[in-house]
Amino acid sequence: MKMQTGLIALSLSFAGNSYSEEEKANLGLNLDVGVSGFFSSVLETAEVSFVESDSPAAKAGLQVGDKIVAIDDCQVPGCLTSDAKQRLKRQPGDLVPIVIQRDDDIQFYTTLKVE
């Protein structure tokens, strides 16, 4: 199956679905993602392509090039995009636990606080 890739901004959308102002969760990062599947698309890759200064992502220590390998215990690759979207669709003040892989061998757990 062919993998699609694209750039998404987590403060604006996920997997091409826009949120209203009330639904937006500002995490302050953009991801370059790869997905597979048609009816049940699955995240294959998620790499940080931009981190806004003084954002929840910056405060959590995320850097451009970091790979997200888990979003709230949903493993990447393998997380359904619908599941990832729900796990990231939080209200201000909520916490989003993620696991990051840096430099192909260093993994660490961090938490983003939604603004």
PDB file of N, CA and C in Angstrom:
ATOM      1  N   MET A   1       0.839  -1.165   0.000  1.00  0.00           N
ATOM      2  CA  MET A   1       0.000   0.000   0.000  1.00  0.00           C
ATOM      3  C   MET A   1       0.893   1.239   0.000  1.00  0.00           C
ATOM      4  N   LYS A   2       0.545   2.206  -0.803  1.00  0.00           N
ATOM      5  CA  LYS A   2       1.318   3.435  -0.922  1.00  0.00           C
ATOM      6  C   LYS A   2       1.115   4.322   0.300  1.00  0.00           C
ATOM      7  N   MET A   3       2.209   4.885   0.811  1.00  0.00           N
ATOM      8  CA  MET A   3       2.130   5.772   1.951  1.00  0.00           C
ATOM      9  C   MET A   3       2.031   7.209   1.463  1.00  0.00           C
ATOM     10  N   GLN A   4       1.100   7.955   2.020  1.00  0.00           N
ATOM     11  CA  GLN A   4       0.963   9.371   1.701  1.00  0.00           C
ATOM     12  C   GLN A   4       1.671  10.174   2.775  1.00  0.00           C
ATOM     13  N   THR A   5       2.203  11.325   2.389  1.00  0.00           N
ATOM     14  CA  THR A   5       2.813  12.201   3.368  1.00  0.00           C
ATOM     15  C   THR A   5       2.233  13.585   3.222  1.00  0.00           C
ATOM     16  N   GLY A   6       2.350  14.353   4.272  1.00  0.00           N
ATOM     17  CA  GLY A   6       1.865  15.722   4.227  1.00  0.00           C
ATOM     18  C   GLY A   6       2.270  16.477   5.463  1.00  0.00           C
ATOM     19  N   LEU A   7       2.121  17.765   5.418  1.00  0.00           N
ATOM     20  CA  LEU A   7       2.454  18.629   6.533  1.00  0.00           C
ATOM     21  C   LEU A   7       1.179  19.032   7.231  1.00  0.00           C
ATOM     22  N   ILE A   8       1.161  18.899   8.551  1.00  0.00           N
ATOM     23  CA  ILE A   8       0.000  19.330   9.304  1.00  0.00           C
ATOM     24  C   ILE A   8       0.437  20.248  10.423  1.00  0.00           C
ATOM     25  N   ALA A   9      -0.417  21.147  10.804  1.00  0.00           N
ATOM     26  CA  ALA A   9      -0.170  22.036  11.933  1.00  0.00           C
ATOM     27  C   ALA A   9      -1.110  21.614  13.054  1.00  0.00           C
ATOM     28  N   LEU A  10      -0.549  21.179  14.162  1.00  0.00           N
ATOM     29  CA  LEU A  10      -1.391  20.678  15.239  1.00  0.00           C
ATOM     30  C   LEU A  10      -2.209  21.775  15.896  1.00  0.00           C
ATOM     31  N   SER A  11      -1.814  23.020  15.723  1.00  0.00           N
ATOM     32  CA  SER A  11      -2.639  24.085  16.280  1.00  0.00           C
ATOM     33  C   SER A  11      -3.854  24.342  15.384  1.00  0.00           C
ATOM     34  N   LEU A  12      -3.849  23.810  14.151  1.00  0.00           N
ATOM     35  CA  LEU A  12      -4.928  24.081  13.212  1.00  0.00           C
ATOM     36  C   LEU A  12      -5.692  22.849  12.777  1.00  0.00           C
ATOM     37  N   SER A  13      -4.984  21.743  12.492  1.00  0.00           N
ATOM     38  CA  SER A  13      -5.678  20.593  11.952  1.00  0.00           C
ATOM     39  C   SER A  13      -4.889  19.319  12.207  1.00  0.00           C
ATOM     40  N   PHE A  14      -5.550  18.204  11.973  1.00  0.00           N
ATOM     41  CA  PHE A  14      -4.881  16.911  12.032  1.00  0.00           C
ATOM     42  C   PHE A  14      -5.488  16.034  10.966  1.00  0.00           C
ATOM     43  N   ALA A  15      -4.657  15.452  10.147  1.00  0.00           N
ATOM     44  CA  ALA A  15      -5.090  14.567   9.063  1.00  0.00           C
ATOM     45  C   ALA A  15      -6.114  15.243   8.160  1.00  0.00           C
ATOM     46  N   GLY A  16      -5.927  16.552   7.951  1.00  0.00           N
ATOM     47  CA  GLY A  16      -6.760  17.272   7.011  1.00  0.00           C
ATOM     48  C   GLY A  16      -8.091  17.746   7.538  1.00  0.00           C
ATOM     49  N   ASN A  17      -8.393  17.512   8.796  1.00  0.00           N
ATOM     50  CA  ASN A  17      -9.664  17.940   9.357  1.00  0.00           C
ATOM     51  C   ASN A  17      -9.479  19.225  10.143  1.00  0.00           C
ATOM     52  N   SER A  18     -10.194  20.266   9.764  1.00  0.00           N
ATOM     53  CA  SER A  18     -10.083  21.549  10.444  1.00  0.00           C
ATOM     54  C   SER A  18     -10.968  21.558  11.683  1.00  0.00           C
ATOM     55  N   TYR A  19     -10.546  22.331  12.665  1.00  0.00           N
ATOM     56  CA  TYR A  19     -11.310  22.516  13.883  1.00  0.00           C
ATOM     57  C   TYR A  19     -11.834  23.934  13.941  1.00  0.00           C
ATOM     58  N   SER A  20     -12.958  24.117  14.632  1.00  0.00           N
ATOM     59  CA  SER A  20     -13.451  25.461  14.886  1.00  0.00           C
ATOM     60  C   SER A  20     -12.571  26.094  15.956  1.00  0.00           C
ATOM     61  N   GLU A  21     -12.736  27.384  16.172  1.00  0.00           N
ATOM     62  CA  GLU A  21     -11.950  28.080  17.193  1.00  0.00           C
ATOM     63  C   GLU A  21     -12.115  27.422  18.557  1.00  0.00           C
ATOM     64  N   GLU A  22     -13.333  26.953  18.875  1.00  0.00           N
ATOM     65  CA  GLU A  22     -13.581  26.341  20.172  1.00  0.00           C
ATOM     66  C   GLU A  22     -12.859  24.999  20.320  1.00  0.00           C
ATOM     67  N   GLU A  23     -12.616  24.317  19.201  1.00  0.00           N
ATOM     68  CA  GLU A  23     -12.015  22.982  19.246  1.00  0.00           C
ATOM     69  C   GLU A  23     -10.493  23.012  19.151  1.00  0.00           C
ATOM     70  N   LYS A  24      -9.922  24.149  18.758  1.00  0.00           N
ATOM     71  CA  LYS A  24      -8.482  24.196  18.549  1.00  0.00           C
ATOM     72  C   LYS A  24      -7.724  24.009  19.851  1.00  0.00           C
ATOM     73  N   ALA A  25      -6.701  23.212  19.794  1.00  0.00           N
ATOM     74  CA  ALA A  25      -5.789  23.038  20.909  1.00  0.00           C
ATOM     75  C   ALA A  25      -4.428  23.526  20.431  1.00  0.00           C
ATOM     76  N   ASN A  26      -3.895  24.525  21.081  1.00  0.00           N
ATOM     77  CA  ASN A  26      -2.611  25.056  20.649  1.00  0.00           C
ATOM     78  C   ASN A  26      -1.481  24.286  21.318  1.00  0.00           C
ATOM     79  N   LEU A  27      -0.782  23.507  20.511  1.00  0.00           N
ATOM     80  CA  LEU A  27       0.390  22.781  20.984  1.00  0.00           C
ATOM     81  C   LEU A  27       1.674  23.424  20.474  1.00  0.00           C
ATOM     82  N   GLY A  28       1.567  24.267  19.443  1.00  0.00           N
ATOM     83  CA  GLY A  28       2.716  25.021  18.965  1.00  0.00           C
ATOM     84  C   GLY A  28       3.715  24.229  18.155  1.00  0.00           C
ATOM     85  N   LEU A  29       3.253  23.257  17.367  1.00  0.00           N
ATOM     86  CA  LEU A  29       4.182  22.530  16.514  1.00  0.00           C
ATOM     87  C   LEU A  29       3.491  22.098  15.231  1.00  0.00           C
ATOM     88  N   ASN A  30       4.286  21.872  14.215  1.00  0.00           N
ATOM     89  CA  ASN A  30       3.826  21.278  12.963  1.00  0.00           C
ATOM     90  C   ASN A  30       4.494  19.921  12.841  1.00  0.00           C
ATOM     91  N   LEU A  31       3.766  18.984  12.235  1.00  0.00           N
ATOM     92  CA  LEU A  31       4.296  17.646  11.995  1.00  0.00           C
ATOM     93  C   LEU A  31       4.263  17.337  10.516  1.00  0.00           C
ATOM     94  N   ASP A  32       5.290  16.671  10.049  1.00  0.00           N
ATOM     95  CA  ASP A  32       5.292  16.077   8.722  1.00  0.00           C
ATOM     96  C   ASP A  32       4.934  14.614   8.960  1.00  0.00           C
ATOM     97  N   VAL A  33       3.785  14.180   8.439  1.00  0.00           N
ATOM     98  CA  VAL A  33       3.296  12.836   8.743  1.00  0.00           C
ATOM     99  C   VAL A  33       3.199  11.981   7.497  1.00  0.00           C
ATOM    100  N   GLY A  34       3.322  10.688   7.689  1.00  0.00           N
ATOM    101  CA  GLY A  34       3.060   9.699   6.658  1.00  0.00           C
ATOM    102  C   GLY A  34       1.922   8.829   7.122  1.00  0.00           C
ATOM    103  N   VAL A  35       0.950   8.599   6.252  1.00  0.00           N
ATOM    104  CA  VAL A  35      -0.191   7.755   6.599  1.00  0.00           C
ATOM    105  C   VAL A  35      -0.383   6.684   5.539  1.00  0.00           C
ATOM    106  N   SER A  36      -0.978   5.580   5.933  1.00  0.00           N
ATOM    107  CA  SER A  36      -1.333   4.532   4.986  1.00  0.00           C
ATOM    108  C   SER A  36      -2.785   4.156   5.229  1.00  0.00           C
ATOM    109  N   GLY A  37      -3.371   3.512   4.247  1.00  0.00           N
ATOM    110  CA  GLY A  37      -4.758   3.101   4.365  1.00  0.00           C
ATOM    111  C   GLY A  37      -5.685   4.089   3.701  1.00  0.00           C
ATOM    112  N   PHE A  38      -6.908   3.658   3.504  1.00  0.00           N
ATOM    113  CA  PHE A  38      -7.888   4.510   2.853  1.00  0.00           C
ATOM    114  C   PHE A  38      -9.068   4.774   3.779  1.00  0.00           C
ATOM    115  N   PHE A  39      -9.813   3.732   4.142  1.00  0.00           N
ATOM    116  CA  PHE A  39     -10.961   3.918   5.012  1.00  0.00           C
ATOM    117  C   PHE A  39     -10.550   4.065   6.471  1.00  0.00           C
ATOM    118  N   SER A  40      -9.530   3.359   6.888  1.00  0.00           N
ATOM    119  CA  SER A  40      -9.001   3.456   8.245  1.00  0.00           C
ATOM    120  C   SER A  40      -7.530   3.818   8.149  1.00  0.00           C
ATOM    121  N   SER A  41      -7.249   5.101   7.947  1.00  0.00           N
ATOM    122  CA  SER A  41      -5.861   5.513   7.770  1.00  0.00           C
ATOM    123  C   SER A  41      -5.087   5.386   9.075  1.00  0.00           C
ATOM    124  N   VAL A  42      -3.818   5.027   8.930  1.00  0.00           N
ATOM    125  CA  VAL A  42      -2.926   4.760  10.052  1.00  0.00           C
ATOM    126  C   VAL A  42      -1.707   5.665   9.943  1.00  0.00           C
ATOM    127  N   LEU A  43      -1.311   6.246  11.070  1.00  0.00           N
ATOM    128  CA  LEU A  43      -0.077   7.025  11.092  1.00  0.00           C
ATOM    129  C   LEU A  43       1.108   6.073  10.960  1.00  0.00           C
ATOM    130  N   GLU A  44       1.951   6.317   9.995  1.00  0.00           N
ATOM    131  CA  GLU A  44       3.174   5.536   9.817  1.00  0.00           C
ATOM    132  C   GLU A  44       4.382   6.290  10.360  1.00  0.00           C
ATOM    133  N   THR A  45       4.398   7.611  10.181  1.00  0.00           N
ATOM    134  CA  THR A  45       5.485   8.458  10.689  1.00  0.00           C
ATOM    135  C   THR A  45       4.901   9.790  11.137  1.00  0.00           C
ATOM    136  N   ALA A  46       5.568  10.424  12.087  1.00  0.00           N
ATOM    137  CA  ALA A  46       5.197  11.768  12.541  1.00  0.00           C
ATOM    138  C   ALA A  46       6.471  12.451  13.014  1.00  0.00           C
ATOM    139  N   GLU A  47       6.966  13.396  12.215  1.00  0.00           N
ATOM    140  CA  GLU A  47       8.214  14.086  12.534  1.00  0.00           C
ATOM    141  C   GLU A  47       7.948  15.582  12.723  1.00  0.00           C
ATOM    142  N   VAL A  48       8.507  16.136  13.782  1.00  0.00           N
ATOM    143  CA  VAL A  48       8.331  17.552  14.086  1.00  0.00           C
ATOM    144  C   VAL A  48       9.077  18.371  13.026  1.00  0.00           C
ATOM    145  N   SER A  49       8.338  19.265  12.354  1.00  0.00           N
ATOM    146  CA  SER A  49       8.950  20.099  11.312  1.00  0.00           C
ATOM    147  C   SER A  49       9.039  21.570  11.714  1.00  0.00           C
ATOM    148  N   PHE A  50       8.343  21.955  12.799  1.00  0.00           N
ATOM    149  CA  PHE A  50       8.389  23.338  13.283  1.00  0.00           C
ATOM    150  C   PHE A  50       7.954  23.352  14.735  1.00  0.00           C
ATOM    151  N   VAL A  51       8.648  24.150  15.551  1.00  0.00           N
ATOM    152  CA  VAL A  51       8.264  24.359  16.943  1.00  0.00           C
ATOM    153  C   VAL A  51       8.185  25.857  17.182  1.00  0.00           C
ATOM    154  N   GLU A  52       7.023  26.317  17.590  1.00  0.00           N
ATOM    155  CA  GLU A  52       6.812  27.733  17.881  1.00  0.00           C
ATOM    156  C   GLU A  52       7.482  28.080  19.217  1.00  0.00           C
ATOM    157  N   SER A  53       8.197  29.198  19.240  1.00  0.00           N
ATOM    158  CA  SER A  53       8.879  29.587  20.480  1.00  0.00           C
ATOM    159  C   SER A  53       7.850  29.860  21.579  1.00  0.00           C
ATOM    160  N   ASP A  54       8.196  29.495  22.799  1.00  0.00           N
ATOM    161  CA  ASP A  54       7.381  29.689  23.993  1.00  0.00           C
ATOM    162  C   ASP A  54       6.025  28.967  23.920  1.00  0.00           C
ATOM    163  N   SER A  55       5.939  27.917  23.113  1.00  0.00           N
ATOM    164  CA  SER A  55       4.713  27.125  22.978  1.00  0.00           C
ATOM    165  C   SER A  55       4.780  25.916  23.916  1.00  0.00           C
ATOM    166  N   PRO A  56       3.671  25.197  24.074  1.00  0.00           N
ATOM    167  CA  PRO A  56       3.721  23.961  24.860  1.00  0.00           C
ATOM    168  C   PRO A  56       4.784  22.982  24.336  1.00  0.00           C
ATOM    169  N   ALA A  57       4.926  22.890  23.011  1.00  0.00           N
ATOM    170  CA  ALA A  57       5.935  21.990  22.438  1.00  0.00           C
ATOM    171  C   ALA A  57       7.345  22.437  22.807  1.00  0.00           C
ATOM    172  N   ALA A  58       7.612  23.736  22.731  1.00  0.00           N
ATOM    173  CA  ALA A  58       8.934  24.258  23.095  1.00  0.00           C
ATOM    174  C   ALA A  58       9.201  24.044  24.585  1.00  0.00           C
ATOM    175  N   LYS A  59       8.201  24.298  25.416  1.00  0.00           N
ATOM    176  CA  LYS A  59       8.344  24.117  26.866  1.00  0.00           C
ATOM    177  C   LYS A  59       8.592  22.658  27.227  1.00  0.00           C
ATOM    178  N   ALA A  60       8.063  21.743  26.409  1.00  0.00           N
ATOM    179  CA  ALA A  60       8.253  20.307  26.649  1.00  0.00           C
ATOM    180  C   ALA A  60       9.589  19.805  26.095  1.00  0.00           C
ATOM    181  N   GLY A  61      10.324  20.679  25.393  1.00  0.00           N
ATOM    182  CA  GLY A  61      11.650  20.305  24.888  1.00  0.00           C
ATOM    183  C   GLY A  61      11.669  19.711  23.500  1.00  0.00           C
ATOM    184  N   LEU A  62      10.571  19.784  22.754  1.00  0.00           N
ATOM    185  CA  LEU A  62      10.556  19.233  21.401  1.00  0.00           C
ATOM    186  C   LEU A  62      11.426  20.067  20.475  1.00  0.00           C
ATOM    187  N   GLN A  63      12.042  19.383  19.513  1.00  0.00           N
ATOM    188  CA  GLN A  63      12.916  20.023  18.541  1.00  0.00           C
ATOM    189  C   GLN A  63      12.555  19.548  17.141  1.00  0.00           C
ATOM    190  N   VAL A  64      12.841  20.408  16.165  1.00  0.00           N
ATOM    191  CA  VAL A  64      12.654  20.016  14.766  1.00  0.00           C
ATOM    192  C   VAL A  64      13.476  18.758  14.511  1.00  0.00           C
ATOM    193  N   GLY A  65      12.871  17.790  13.855  1.00  0.00           N
ATOM    194  CA  GLY A  65      13.532  16.518  13.574  1.00  0.00           C
ATOM    195  C   GLY A  65      13.153  15.409  14.534  1.00  0.00           C
ATOM    196  N   ASP A  66      12.585  15.755  15.695  1.00  0.00           N
ATOM    197  CA  ASP A  66      12.125  14.725  16.626  1.00  0.00           C
ATOM    198  C   ASP A  66      11.024  13.904  15.963  1.00  0.00           C
ATOM    199  N   LYS A  67      11.011  12.617  16.239  1.00  0.00           N
ATOM    200  CA  LYS A  67       9.974  11.724  15.737  1.00  0.00           C
ATOM    201  C   LYS A  67       9.054  11.361  16.892  1.00  0.00           C
ATOM    202  N   ILE A  68       7.759  11.494  16.672  1.00  0.00           N
ATOM    203  CA  ILE A  68       6.793  11.077  17.682  1.00  0.00           C
ATOM    204  C   ILE A  68       6.551   9.586  17.495  1.00  0.00           C
ATOM    205  N   VAL A  69       6.806   8.814  18.554  1.00  0.00           N
ATOM    206  CA  VAL A  69       6.632   7.359  18.475  1.00  0.00           C
ATOM    207  C   VAL A  69       5.429   6.881  19.283  1.00  0.00           C
ATOM    208  N   ALA A  70       4.822   7.773  20.073  1.00  0.00           N
ATOM    209  CA  ALA A  70       3.586   7.445  20.778  1.00  0.00           C
ATOM    210  C   ALA A  70       2.877   8.734  21.180  1.00  0.00           C
ATOM    211  N   ILE A  71       1.561   8.720  21.040  1.00  0.00           N
ATOM    212  CA  ILE A  71       0.706   9.816  21.477  1.00  0.00           C
ATOM    213  C   ILE A  71      -0.264   9.225  22.479  1.00  0.00           C
ATOM    214  N   ASP A  72      -0.077   9.543  23.752  1.00  0.00           N
ATOM    215  CA  ASP A  72      -0.975   9.036  24.795  1.00  0.00           C
ATOM    216  C   ASP A  72      -1.160   7.522  24.663  1.00  0.00           C
ATOM    217  N   ASP A  73      -0.061   6.791  24.587  1.00  0.00           N
ATOM    218  CA  ASP A  73      -0.012   5.325  24.491  1.00  0.00           C
ATOM    219  C   ASP A  73      -0.472   4.741  23.156  1.00  0.00           C
ATOM    220  N   CYS A  74      -0.728   5.567  22.154  1.00  0.00           N
ATOM    221  CA  CYS A  74      -1.053   5.084  20.818  1.00  0.00           C
ATOM    222  C   CYS A  74       0.247   5.103  20.003  1.00  0.00           C
ATOM    223  N   GLN A  75       0.756   3.933  19.640  1.00  0.00           N
ATOM    224  CA  GLN A  75       2.072   3.794  19.016  1.00  0.00           C
ATOM    225  C   GLN A  75       2.088   4.257  17.558  1.00  0.00           C
ATOM    226  N   VAL A  76       3.177   4.944  17.195  1.00  0.00           N
ATOM    227  CA  VAL A  76       3.423   5.363  15.812  1.00  0.00           C
ATOM    228  C   VAL A  76       4.701   4.672  15.365  1.00  0.00           C
ATOM    229  N   PRO A  77       4.662   3.824  14.336  1.00  0.00           N
ATOM    230  CA  PRO A  77       3.554   3.571  13.429  1.00  0.00           C
ATOM    231  C   PRO A  77       2.492   2.675  14.060  1.00  0.00           C
ATOM    232  N   GLY A  78       1.284   2.764  13.502  1.00  0.00           N
ATOM    233  CA  GLY A  78       0.205   1.885  13.913  1.00  0.00           C
ATOM    234  C   GLY A  78      -1.003   2.568  14.500  1.00  0.00           C
ATOM    235  N   CYS A  79      -0.877   3.812  14.915  1.00  0.00           N
ATOM    236  CA  CYS A  79      -2.006   4.526  15.516  1.00  0.00           C
ATOM    237  C   CYS A  79      -2.972   4.972  14.418  1.00  0.00           C
ATOM    238  N   LEU A  80      -4.235   4.621  14.564  1.00  0.00           N
ATOM    239  CA  LEU A  80      -5.232   5.116  13.617  1.00  0.00           C
ATOM    240  C   LEU A  80      -5.247   6.642  13.686  1.00  0.00           C
ATOM    241  N   THR A  81      -5.363   7.293  12.536  1.00  0.00           N
ATOM    242  CA  THR A  81      -5.368   8.758  12.542  1.00  0.00           C
ATOM    243  C   THR A  81      -6.554   9.289  13.348  1.00  0.00           C
ATOM    244  N   SER A  82      -7.666   8.587  13.327  1.00  0.00           N
ATOM    245  CA  SER A  82      -8.828   9.019  14.122  1.00  0.00           C
ATOM    246  C   SER A  82      -8.522   8.955  15.615  1.00  0.00           C
ATOM    247  N   ASP A  83      -7.783   7.927  16.048  1.00  0.00           N
ATOM    248  CA  ASP A  83      -7.391   7.824  17.458  1.00  0.00           C
ATOM    249  C   ASP A  83      -6.413   8.938  17.824  1.00  0.00           C
ATOM    250  N   ALA A  84      -5.432   9.179  16.964  1.00  0.00           N
ATOM    251  CA  ALA A  84      -4.454  10.237  17.229  1.00  0.00           C
ATOM    252  C   ALA A  84      -5.147  11.590  17.322  1.00  0.00           C
ATOM    253  N   LYS A  85      -6.084  11.819  16.426  1.00  0.00           N
ATOM    254  CA  LYS A  85      -6.832  13.082  16.425  1.00  0.00           C
ATOM    255  C   LYS A  85      -7.561  13.264  17.758  1.00  0.00           C
ATOM    256  N   GLN A  86      -8.247  12.221  18.230  1.00  0.00           N
ATOM    257  CA  GLN A  86      -8.966  12.313  19.505  1.00  0.00           C
ATOM    258  C   GLN A  86      -8.015  12.551  20.676  1.00  0.00           C
ATOM    259  N   ARG A  87      -6.855  11.923  20.629  1.00  0.00           N
ATOM    260  CA  ARG A  87      -5.888  12.071  21.721  1.00  0.00           C
ATOM    261  C   ARG A  87      -5.266  13.464  21.741  1.00  0.00           C
ATOM    262  N   LEU A  88      -5.235  14.125  20.580  1.00  0.00           N
ATOM    263  CA  LEU A  88      -4.672  15.471  20.496  1.00  0.00           C
ATOM    264  C   LEU A  88      -5.730  16.559  20.640  1.00  0.00           C
ATOM    265  N   LYS A  89      -6.981  16.197  20.519  1.00  0.00           N
ATOM    266  CA  LYS A  89      -8.079  17.159  20.583  1.00  0.00           C
ATOM    267  C   LYS A  89      -8.436  17.369  22.055  1.00  0.00           C
ATOM    268  N   ARG A  90      -7.729  18.263  22.670  1.00  0.00           N
ATOM    269  CA  ARG A  90      -7.880  18.507  24.105  1.00  0.00           C
ATOM    270  C   ARG A  90      -8.246  19.957  24.367  1.00  0.00           C
ATOM    271  N   GLN A  91      -8.669  20.205  25.564  1.00  0.00           N
ATOM    272  CA  GLN A  91      -9.027  21.546  25.998  1.00  0.00           C
ATOM    273  C   GLN A  91      -7.808  22.219  26.642  1.00  0.00           C
ATOM    274  N   PRO A  92      -7.784  23.560  26.637  1.00  0.00           N
ATOM    275  CA  PRO A  92      -6.689  24.262  27.314  1.00  0.00           C
ATOM    276  C   PRO A  92      -6.535  23.773  28.754  1.00  0.00           C
ATOM    277  N   GLY A  93      -5.284  23.528  29.136  1.00  0.00           N
ATOM    278  CA  GLY A  93      -4.967  23.016  30.466  1.00  0.00           C
ATOM    279  C   GLY A  93      -4.806  21.516  30.506  1.00  0.00           C
ATOM    280  N   ASP A  94      -5.340  20.794  29.509  1.00  0.00           N
ATOM    281  CA  ASP A  94      -5.191  19.340  29.458  1.00  0.00           C
ATOM    282  C   ASP A  94      -3.751  18.966  29.135  1.00  0.00           C
ATOM    283  N   LEU A  95      -3.373  17.761  29.522  1.00  0.00           N
ATOM    284  CA  LEU A  95      -2.030  17.248  29.264  1.00  0.00           C
ATOM    285  C   LEU A  95      -2.076  16.180  28.177  1.00  0.00           C
ATOM    286  N   VAL A  96      -1.092  16.215  27.268  1.00  0.00           N
ATOM    287  CA  VAL A  96      -0.973  15.233  26.199  1.00  0.00           C
ATOM    288  C   VAL A  96       0.381  14.532  26.361  1.00  0.00           C
ATOM    289  N   PRO A  97       0.400  13.294  26.861  1.00  0.00           N
ATOM    290  CA  PRO A  97       1.659  12.571  26.987  1.00  0.00           C
ATOM    291  C   PRO A  97       2.124  12.039  25.626  1.00  0.00           C
ATOM    292  N   ILE A  98       3.395  12.221  25.331  1.00  0.00           N
ATOM    293  CA  ILE A  98       3.961  11.715  24.077  1.00  0.00           C
ATOM    294  C   ILE A  98       5.345  11.130  24.336  1.00  0.00           C
ATOM    295  N   VAL A  99       5.745  10.235  23.441  1.00  0.00           N
ATOM    296  CA  VAL A  99       7.097   9.682  23.467  1.00  0.00           C
ATOM    297  C   VAL A  99       7.783  10.143  22.192  1.00  0.00           C
ATOM    298  N   ILE A 100       8.981  10.685  22.356  1.00  0.00           N
ATOM    299  CA  ILE A 100       9.770  11.254  21.263  1.00  0.00           C
ATOM    300  C   ILE A 100      11.021  10.409  21.051  1.00  0.00           C
ATOM    301  N   GLN A 101      11.398  10.246  19.802  1.00  0.00           N
ATOM    302  CA  GLN A 101      12.673   9.623  19.472  1.00  0.00           C
ATOM    303  C   GLN A 101      13.539  10.690  18.813  1.00  0.00           C
ATOM    304  N   ARG A 102      14.755  10.841  19.324  1.00  0.00           N
ATOM    305  CA  ARG A 102      15.678  11.837  18.814  1.00  0.00           C
ATOM    306  C   ARG A 102      16.970  11.140  18.394  1.00  0.00           C
ATOM    307  N   ASP A 103      17.494  11.549  17.266  1.00  0.00           N
ATOM    308  CA  ASP A 103      18.784  11.037  16.774  1.00  0.00           C
ATOM    309  C   ASP A 103      18.810   9.525  16.620  1.00  0.00           C
ATOM    310  N   ASP A 104      17.682   8.933  16.247  1.00  0.00           N
ATOM    311  CA  ASP A 104      17.560   7.507  15.950  1.00  0.00           C
ATOM    312  C   ASP A 104      17.821   6.566  17.108  1.00  0.00           C
ATOM    313  N   ASP A 105      18.182   7.053  18.292  1.00  0.00           N
ATOM    314  CA  ASP A 105      18.416   6.109  19.380  1.00  0.00           C
ATOM    315  C   ASP A 105      17.968   6.606  20.747  1.00  0.00           C
ATOM    316  N   ILE A 106      17.743   7.869  20.925  1.00  0.00           N
ATOM    317  CA  ILE A 106      17.352   8.408  22.219  1.00  0.00           C
ATOM    318  C   ILE A 106      15.841   8.595  22.245  1.00  0.00           C
ATOM    319  N   GLN A 107      15.163   7.914  23.171  1.00  0.00           N
ATOM    320  CA  GLN A 107      13.726   8.091  23.338  1.00  0.00           C
ATOM    321  C   GLN A 107      13.457   8.705  24.699  1.00  0.00           C
ATOM    322  N   PHE A 108      12.488   9.626  24.734  1.00  0.00           N
ATOM    323  CA  PHE A 108      12.095  10.177  26.018  1.00  0.00           C
ATOM    324  C   PHE A 108      10.614  10.487  26.031  1.00  0.00           C
ATOM    325  N   TYR A 109      10.071  10.479  27.247  1.00  0.00           N
ATOM    326  CA  TYR A 109       8.660  10.755  27.479  1.00  0.00           C
ATOM    327  C   TYR A 109       8.541  12.205  27.892  1.00  0.00           C
ATOM    328  N   THR A 110       7.555  12.895  27.377  1.00  0.00           N
ATOM    329  CA  THR A 110       7.277  14.266  27.785  1.00  0.00           C
ATOM    330  C   THR A 110       5.780  14.505  27.719  1.00  0.00           C
ATOM    331  N   THR A 111       5.360  15.594  28.288  1.00  0.00           N
ATOM    332  CA  THR A 111       3.947  15.945  28.311  1.00  0.00           C
ATOM    333  C   THR A 111       3.759  17.356  27.787  1.00  0.00           C
ATOM    334  N   LEU A 112       2.815  17.524  26.862  1.00  0.00           N
ATOM    335  CA  LEU A 112       2.474  18.840  26.353  1.00  0.00           C
ATOM    336  C   LEU A 112       1.254  19.339  27.125  1.00  0.00           C
ATOM    337  N   LYS A 113       1.311  20.567  27.601  1.00  0.00           N
ATOM    338  CA  LYS A 113       0.157  21.182  28.264  1.00  0.00           C
ATOM    339  C   LYS A 113      -0.531  22.081  27.248  1.00  0.00           C
ATOM    340  N   VAL A 114      -1.760  21.748  26.914  1.00  0.00           N
ATOM    341  CA  VAL A 114      -2.511  22.472  25.878  1.00  0.00           C
ATOM    342  C   VAL A 114      -2.802  23.890  26.349  1.00  0.00           C
ATOM    343  N   GLU A 115      -2.592  24.834  25.449  1.00  0.00           N
ATOM    344  CA  GLU A 115      -2.907  26.237  25.735  1.00  0.00           C
ATOM    345  C   GLU A 115      -4.103  26.677  24.926  1.00  0.00           C
TER     346      GLU A 115
END
